Amino acid sequence: MARINLLPWRQAQRREQQREFVSITGFSAMLTGILVLYVHIHVNGMIEYQERRNQYLENEIKVLDDKIKDIKQLESTKKALLDRMNVINSLQATRPGIVHLFDELVRTLPEGTYLTSVKQNGADLTLTGRAESNARVSAYMRKIDASEWLANSRLDVIETKEDKVTRISDFTLQAQQSSPNAKKKTAGAAAEPEPQS
């Protein structure tokens, strides 16, 4: 006798397919959720790692900025010290020059001539004085030009005043403080022959 299955086999098959579909969909959703969670955790970890690196770099940049400030401060201190040393060296170098200058002013002054004021601006000198005649002023200028410590005399003003007894010339002349070394250098440069081509 033939067996007849009266059960609705199509419905049972549909239910079986639905169960499989639901289980596959659930498994896929669960797998997708796990994957999304993993990606989320991984990306957050990468972001935290990068933030830690950024923080480390910022801290190192602050340390370097502090070192740069210290270096700049040291450089400014060094520059100030070098400037002071240069001033001290120039003062040391010119210290004997003032002694020679006053000595030469006295040595070059001819008889019958005296100075009323001496002004110095760097190496430039302004000499004001009185002389018994214009010839004595000329002699004074020649002595200045022949001196090792004075040079480049130039007469600015000479004014002669006569009264009943005497004749006095008031004069103002310019000169430059020099040194024997500077005169040797300029004389050596003038004596050098021009290169032949």
C-alpha atoms as a PDB file:
ATOM      1  CA  MET A   1       0.000   0.000   0.000  1.00  0.00           C
ATOM      2  CA  ALA A   2       1.248   3.415  -0.953  1.00  0.00           C
ATOM      3  CA  ARG A   3       2.102   5.817   1.722  1.00  0.00           C
ATOM      4  CA  ILE A   4       0.614   9.246   1.407  1.00  0.00           C
ATOM      5  CA  ASN A   5       2.151  12.021   3.372  1.00  0.00           C
ATOM      6  CA  LEU A   6      -0.613  14.280   4.328  1.00  0.00           C
ATOM      7  CA  LEU A   7       1.625  16.764   6.048  1.00  0.00           C
ATOM      8  CA  PRO A   8       1.979  20.002   4.187  1.00  0.00           C
ATOM      9  CA  TRP A   9       5.499  19.372   3.034  1.00  0.00           C
ATOM     10  CA  ARG A  10       5.723  22.692   1.230  1.00  0.00           C
ATOM     11  CA  GLN A  11       4.979  24.574   4.408  1.00  0.00           C
ATOM     12  CA  ALA A  12       7.506  22.478   6.292  1.00  0.00           C
ATOM     13  CA  GLN A  13      10.040  23.220   3.581  1.00  0.00           C
ATOM     14  CA  ARG A  14       9.235  26.925   3.762  1.00  0.00           C
ATOM     15  CA  ARG A  15       9.589  26.886   7.523  1.00  0.00           C
ATOM     16  CA  GLU A  16      12.903  25.102   7.171  1.00  0.00           C
ATOM     17  CA  GLN A  17      14.042  27.645   4.591  1.00  0.00           C
ATOM     18  CA  GLN A  18      12.866  30.498   6.832  1.00  0.00           C
ATOM     19  CA  ARG A  19      14.775  29.038   9.801  1.00  0.00           C
ATOM     20  CA  GLU A  20      17.862  28.711   7.654  1.00  0.00           C
ATOM     21  CA  PHE A  21      17.376  32.253   6.340  1.00  0.00           C
ATOM     22  CA  VAL A  22      16.892  33.647   9.855  1.00  0.00           C
ATOM     23  CA  SER A  23      19.885  31.755  11.200  1.00  0.00           C
ATOM     24  CA  ILE A  24      22.057  32.850   8.234  1.00  0.00           C
ATOM     25  CA  THR A  25      20.797  36.459   8.568  1.00  0.00           C
ATOM     26  CA  GLY A  26      21.405  36.409  12.335  1.00  0.00           C
ATOM     27  CA  PHE A  27      24.827  34.910  11.825  1.00  0.00           C
ATOM     28  CA  SER A  28      25.617  37.513   9.144  1.00  0.00           C
ATOM     29  CA  ALA A  29      24.331  40.338  11.368  1.00  0.00           C
ATOM     30  CA  MET A  30      26.362  39.013  14.272  1.00  0.00           C
ATOM     31  CA  LEU A  31      29.440  38.671  12.046  1.00  0.00           C
ATOM     32  CA  THR A  32      28.871  42.185  10.670  1.00  0.00           C
ATOM     33  CA  GLY A  33      28.456  43.551  14.219  1.00  0.00           C
ATOM     34  CA  ILE A  34      31.660  41.827  15.306  1.00  0.00           C
ATOM     35  CA  LEU A  35      33.448  43.187  12.244  1.00  0.00           C
ATOM     36  CA  VAL A  36      32.123  46.736  12.838  1.00  0.00           C
ATOM     37  CA  LEU A  37      33.092  46.491  16.520  1.00  0.00           C
ATOM     38  CA  TYR A  38      36.579  45.275  15.580  1.00  0.00           C
ATOM     39  CA  VAL A  39      37.005  48.068  13.015  1.00  0.00           C
ATOM     40  CA  HIS A  40      35.721  50.616  15.567  1.00  0.00           C
ATOM     41  CA  ILE A  41      38.113  49.377  18.257  1.00  0.00           C
ATOM     42  CA  HIS A  42      40.999  49.200  15.788  1.00  0.00           C
ATOM     43  CA  VAL A  43      40.368  52.722  14.439  1.00  0.00           C
ATOM     44  CA  ASN A  44      40.015  54.106  17.996  1.00  0.00           C
ATOM     45  CA  GLY A  45      43.286  52.418  18.902  1.00  0.00           C
ATOM     46  CA  MET A  46      44.992  53.985  15.894  1.00  0.00           C
ATOM     47  CA  ILE A  47      43.544  57.393  16.787  1.00  0.00           C
ATOM     48  CA  GLU A  48      44.729  57.061  20.409  1.00  0.00           C
ATOM     49  CA  TYR A  49      48.162  55.945  19.218  1.00  0.00           C
ATOM     50  CA  GLN A  50      48.385  58.951  16.886  1.00  0.00           C
ATOM     51  CA  GLU A  51      47.197  61.291  19.665  1.00  0.00           C
ATOM     52  CA  ARG A  52      49.891  59.882  21.973  1.00  0.00           C
ATOM     53  CA  ARG A  53      52.479  60.447  19.234  1.00  0.00           C
ATOM     54  CA  ASN A  54      51.181  63.984  18.686  1.00  0.00           C
ATOM     55  CA  GLN A  55      51.339  64.685  22.416  1.00  0.00           C
ATOM     56  CA  TYR A  56      54.890  63.312  22.553  1.00  0.00           C
ATOM     57  CA  LEU A  57      55.872  65.500  19.600  1.00  0.00           C
ATOM     58  CA  GLU A  58      54.273  68.571  21.212  1.00  0.00           C
ATOM     59  CA  ASN A  59      56.153  67.897  24.446  1.00  0.00           C
ATOM     60  CA  GLU A  60      59.415  67.499  22.527  1.00  0.00           C
ATOM     61  CA  ILE A  61      58.696  70.693  20.565  1.00  0.00           C
ATOM     62  CA  LYS A  62      58.161  72.554  23.871  1.00  0.00           C
ATOM     63  CA  VAL A  63      61.485  71.195  25.142  1.00  0.00           C
ATOM     64  CA  LEU A  64      63.197  72.291  21.923  1.00  0.00           C
ATOM     65  CA  ASP A  65      61.528  75.716  22.104  1.00  0.00           C
ATOM     66  CA  ASP A  66      62.890  76.148  25.623  1.00  0.00           C
ATOM     67  CA  LYS A  67      66.348  75.123  24.403  1.00  0.00           C
ATOM     68  CA  ILE A  68      66.081  77.559  21.476  1.00  0.00           C
ATOM     69  CA  LYS A  69      65.155  80.353  23.907  1.00  0.00           C
ATOM     70  CA  ASP A  70      68.155  79.447  26.039  1.00  0.00           C
ATOM     71  CA  ILE A  71      70.399  79.417  22.958  1.00  0.00           C
ATOM     72  CA  LYS A  72      69.077  82.817  21.819  1.00  0.00           C
ATOM     73  CA  GLN A  73      69.636  84.207  25.298  1.00  0.00           C
ATOM     74  CA  LEU A  74      73.153  82.767  25.321  1.00  0.00           C
ATOM     75  CA  GLU A  75      73.806  84.245  21.876  1.00  0.00           C
ATOM     76  CA  SER A  76      72.630  87.685  22.994  1.00  0.00           C
ATOM     77  CA  THR A  77      74.770  87.387  26.131  1.00  0.00           C
ATOM     78  CA  LYS A  78      77.712  86.283  23.979  1.00  0.00           C
ATOM     79  CA  LYS A  79      77.182  89.217  21.607  1.00  0.00           C
ATOM     80  CA  ALA A  80      77.003  91.659  24.527  1.00  0.00           C
ATOM     81  CA  LEU A  81      80.209  90.198  25.992  1.00  0.00           C
ATOM     82  CA  LEU A  82      81.972  90.370  22.621  1.00  0.00           C
ATOM     83  CA  ASP A  83      80.862  93.989  22.221  1.00  0.00           C
ATOM     84  CA  ARG A  84      82.212  94.796  25.676  1.00  0.00           C
ATOM     85  CA  MET A  85      85.466  93.009  24.885  1.00  0.00           C
ATOM     86  CA  ASN A  86      85.788  94.990  21.643  1.00  0.00           C
ATOM     87  CA  VAL A  87      85.181  98.255  23.499  1.00  0.00           C
ATOM     88  CA  ILE A  88      87.738  97.301  26.139  1.00  0.00           C
ATOM     89  CA  ASN A  89      90.264  96.263  23.474  1.00  0.00           C
ATOM     90  CA  SER A  90      89.757  99.499  21.546  1.00  0.00           C
ATOM     91  CA  LEU A  91      90.124 101.500  24.759  1.00  0.00           C
ATOM     92  CA  GLN A  92      93.281  99.557  25.605  1.00  0.00           C
ATOM     93  CA  ALA A  93      94.631 100.182  22.109  1.00  0.00           C
ATOM     94  CA  THR A  94      93.844 103.908  22.185  1.00  0.00           C
ATOM     95  CA  ARG A  95      94.909 104.489  25.780  1.00  0.00           C
ATOM     96  CA  PRO A  96      98.513 105.334  24.925  1.00  0.00           C
ATOM     97  CA  GLY A  97      97.249 107.351  21.939  1.00  0.00           C
ATOM     98  CA  ILE A  98      95.832 110.128  24.100  1.00  0.00           C
ATOM     99  CA  VAL A  99      99.159 110.462  25.898  1.00  0.00           C
ATOM    100  CA  HIS A 100     100.972 110.677  22.566  1.00  0.00           C
ATOM    101  CA  LEU A 101      98.364 113.167  21.309  1.00  0.00           C
ATOM    102  CA  PHE A 102      98.905 115.604  24.185  1.00  0.00           C
ATOM    103  CA  ASP A 103     102.644 115.124  23.966  1.00  0.00           C
ATOM    104  CA  GLU A 104     102.601 115.890  20.222  1.00  0.00           C
ATOM    105  CA  LEU A 105     100.359 118.889  20.724  1.00  0.00           C
ATOM    106  CA  VAL A 106     103.004 120.343  23.032  1.00  0.00           C
ATOM    107  CA  ARG A 107     105.985 119.314  20.867  1.00  0.00           C
ATOM    108  CA  THR A 108     104.556 120.661  17.619  1.00  0.00           C
ATOM    109  CA  LEU A 109     103.436 123.989  19.094  1.00  0.00           C
ATOM    110  CA  PRO A 110     105.894 126.637  17.940  1.00  0.00           C
ATOM    111  CA  GLU A 111     107.092 129.449  20.182  1.00  0.00           C
ATOM    112  CA  GLY A 112     104.737 132.399  20.184  1.00  0.00           C
ATOM    113  CA  THR A 113     101.688 130.170  19.690  1.00  0.00           C
ATOM    114  CA  TYR A 114      99.305 128.727  22.266  1.00  0.00           C
ATOM    115  CA  LEU A 115      96.071 126.762  22.181  1.00  0.00           C
ATOM    116  CA  THR A 116      92.876 127.923  23.830  1.00  0.00           C
ATOM    117  CA  SER A 117      90.851 124.769  23.163  1.00  0.00           C
ATOM    118  CA  VAL A 118      91.231 121.263  21.782  1.00  0.00           C
ATOM    119  CA  LYS A 119      88.158 119.266  20.745  1.00  0.00           C
ATOM    120  CA  GLN A 120      88.265 115.666  19.589  1.00  0.00           C
ATOM    121  CA  ASN A 121      85.566 113.736  17.762  1.00  0.00           C
ATOM    122  CA  GLY A 122      86.883 110.258  17.028  1.00  0.00           C
ATOM    123  CA  ALA A 123      90.170 110.836  15.226  1.00  0.00           C
ATOM    124  CA  ASP A 124      89.253 114.394  14.148  1.00  0.00           C
ATOM    125  CA  LEU A 125      90.700 117.280  16.130  1.00  0.00           C
ATOM    126  CA  THR A 126      89.631 120.905  16.197  1.00  0.00           C
ATOM    127  CA  LEU A 127      92.415 123.130  17.525  1.00  0.00           C
ATOM    128  CA  THR A 128      91.696 126.726  18.460  1.00  0.00           C
ATOM    129  CA  GLY A 129      94.409 129.101  19.588  1.00  0.00           C
ATOM    130  CA  ARG A 130      96.364 132.325  19.215  1.00  0.00           C
ATOM    131  CA  ALA A 131      99.622 133.091  17.490  1.00  0.00           C
ATOM    132  CA  GLU A 132     101.855 136.149  17.245  1.00  0.00           C
ATOM    133  CA  SER A 133     101.775 135.947  13.428  1.00  0.00           C
ATOM    134  CA  ASN A 134     100.336 134.031  10.513  1.00  0.00           C
ATOM    135  CA  ALA A 135     103.770 132.537   9.857  1.00  0.00           C
ATOM    136  CA  ARG A 136     103.699 130.821  13.239  1.00  0.00           C
ATOM    137  CA  VAL A 137     100.332 129.234  12.335  1.00  0.00           C
ATOM    138  CA  SER A 138     101.865 127.995   9.064  1.00  0.00           C
ATOM    139  CA  ALA A 139     104.851 126.591  10.979  1.00  0.00           C
ATOM    140  CA  TYR A 140     102.450 124.864  13.371  1.00  0.00           C
ATOM    141  CA  MET A 141     100.602 123.250  10.453  1.00  0.00           C
ATOM    142  CA  ARG A 142     103.879 122.029   8.910  1.00  0.00           C
ATOM    143  CA  LYS A 143     104.908 120.502  12.249  1.00  0.00           C
ATOM    144  CA  ILE A 144     101.519 118.784  12.542  1.00  0.00           C
ATOM    145  CA  ASP A 145     101.916 117.268   9.068  1.00  0.00           C
ATOM    146  CA  ALA A 146     105.473 116.118   9.902  1.00  0.00           C
ATOM    147  CA  SER A 147     104.389 114.567  13.219  1.00  0.00           C
ATOM    148  CA  GLU A 148     103.981 110.806  13.646  1.00  0.00           C
ATOM    149  CA  TRP A 149     100.875 111.180  15.791  1.00  0.00           C
ATOM    150  CA  LEU A 150      99.084 114.016  13.938  1.00  0.00           C
ATOM    151  CA  ALA A 151      98.201 114.439  10.277  1.00  0.00           C
ATOM    152  CA  ASN A 152      96.152 116.306   7.665  1.00  0.00           C
ATOM    153  CA  SER A 153      96.198 119.816   9.082  1.00  0.00           C
ATOM    154  CA  ARG A 154      93.747 122.222   7.494  1.00  0.00           C
ATOM    155  CA  LEU A 155      93.215 125.849   8.405  1.00  0.00           C
ATOM    156  CA  ASP A 156      89.576 126.827   8.892  1.00  0.00           C
ATOM    157  CA  VAL A 157      89.778 130.370  10.224  1.00  0.00           C
ATOM    158  CA  ILE A 158      92.549 132.862  10.860  1.00  0.00           C
ATOM    159  CA  GLU A 159      91.677 136.311  12.107  1.00  0.00           C
ATOM    160  CA  THR A 160      94.235 138.980  12.879  1.00  0.00           C
ATOM    161  CA  LYS A 161      93.563 141.546  15.593  1.00  0.00           C
ATOM    162  CA  GLU A 162      95.796 144.539  16.061  1.00  0.00           C
ATOM    163  CA  ASP A 163      95.934 146.793  19.038  1.00  0.00           C
ATOM    164  CA  LYS A 164      98.446 149.550  19.831  1.00  0.00           C
ATOM    165  CA  VAL A 165     101.147 147.220  21.128  1.00  0.00           C
ATOM    166  CA  THR A 166     100.656 143.752  19.644  1.00  0.00           C
ATOM    167  CA  ARG A 167      99.293 141.958  16.661  1.00  0.00           C
ATOM    168  CA  ILE A 168      97.547 138.622  17.493  1.00  0.00           C
ATOM    169  CA  SER A 169      96.120 136.038  15.081  1.00  0.00           C
ATOM    170  CA  ASP A 170      93.238 133.896  16.315  1.00  0.00           C
ATOM    171  CA  PHE A 171      93.079 130.612  14.415  1.00  0.00           C
ATOM    172  CA  THR A 172      91.029 127.450  14.147  1.00  0.00           C
ATOM    173  CA  LEU A 173      92.441 124.464  12.340  1.00  0.00           C
ATOM    174  CA  GLN A 174      91.483 120.858  11.789  1.00  0.00           C
ATOM    175  CA  ALA A 175      93.799 117.870  12.127  1.00  0.00           C
ATOM    176  CA  GLN A 176      93.538 114.137  12.584  1.00  0.00           C
ATOM    177  CA  GLN A 177      95.023 111.919  15.236  1.00  0.00           C
ATOM    178  CA  SER A 178      97.218 109.303  13.631  1.00  0.00           C
ATOM    179  CA  SER A 179      99.793 106.716  14.604  1.00  0.00           C
ATOM    180  CA  PRO A 180     103.191 105.716  13.208  1.00  0.00           C
ATOM    181  CA  ASN A 181     101.755 102.343  12.103  1.00  0.00           C
ATOM    182  CA  ALA A 182      98.947 104.007  10.133  1.00  0.00           C
ATOM    183  CA  LYS A 183     101.416 106.331   8.414  1.00  0.00           C
ATOM    184  CA  LYS A 184     103.670 103.396   7.508  1.00  0.00           C
ATOM    185  CA  LYS A 185     100.691 101.539   6.000  1.00  0.00           C
ATOM    186  CA  THR A 186      99.610 104.520   3.891  1.00  0.00           C
ATOM    187  CA  ALA A 187     103.217 105.198   2.829  1.00  0.00           C
ATOM    188  CA  GLY A 188     103.655 101.502   1.903  1.00  0.00           C
ATOM    189  CA  ALA A 189     100.418 101.528  -0.092  1.00  0.00           C
ATOM    190  CA  ALA A 190     101.481 104.686  -1.942  1.00  0.00           C
ATOM    191  CA  ALA A 191     104.934 103.224  -2.710  1.00  0.00           C
ATOM    192  CA  GLU A 192     103.556  99.945  -4.109  1.00  0.00           C
ATOM    193  CA  PRO A 193     103.997  99.855  -7.899  1.00  0.00           C
ATOM    194  CA  GLU A 194     100.920  99.383 -10.025  1.00  0.00           C
ATOM    195  CA  PRO A 195     100.633  95.894 -11.559  1.00  0.00           C
ATOM    196  CA  GLN A 196     101.638  95.805 -15.190  1.00  0.00           C
ATOM    197  CA  SER A 197      99.268  94.231 -17.620  1.00  0.00           C
END
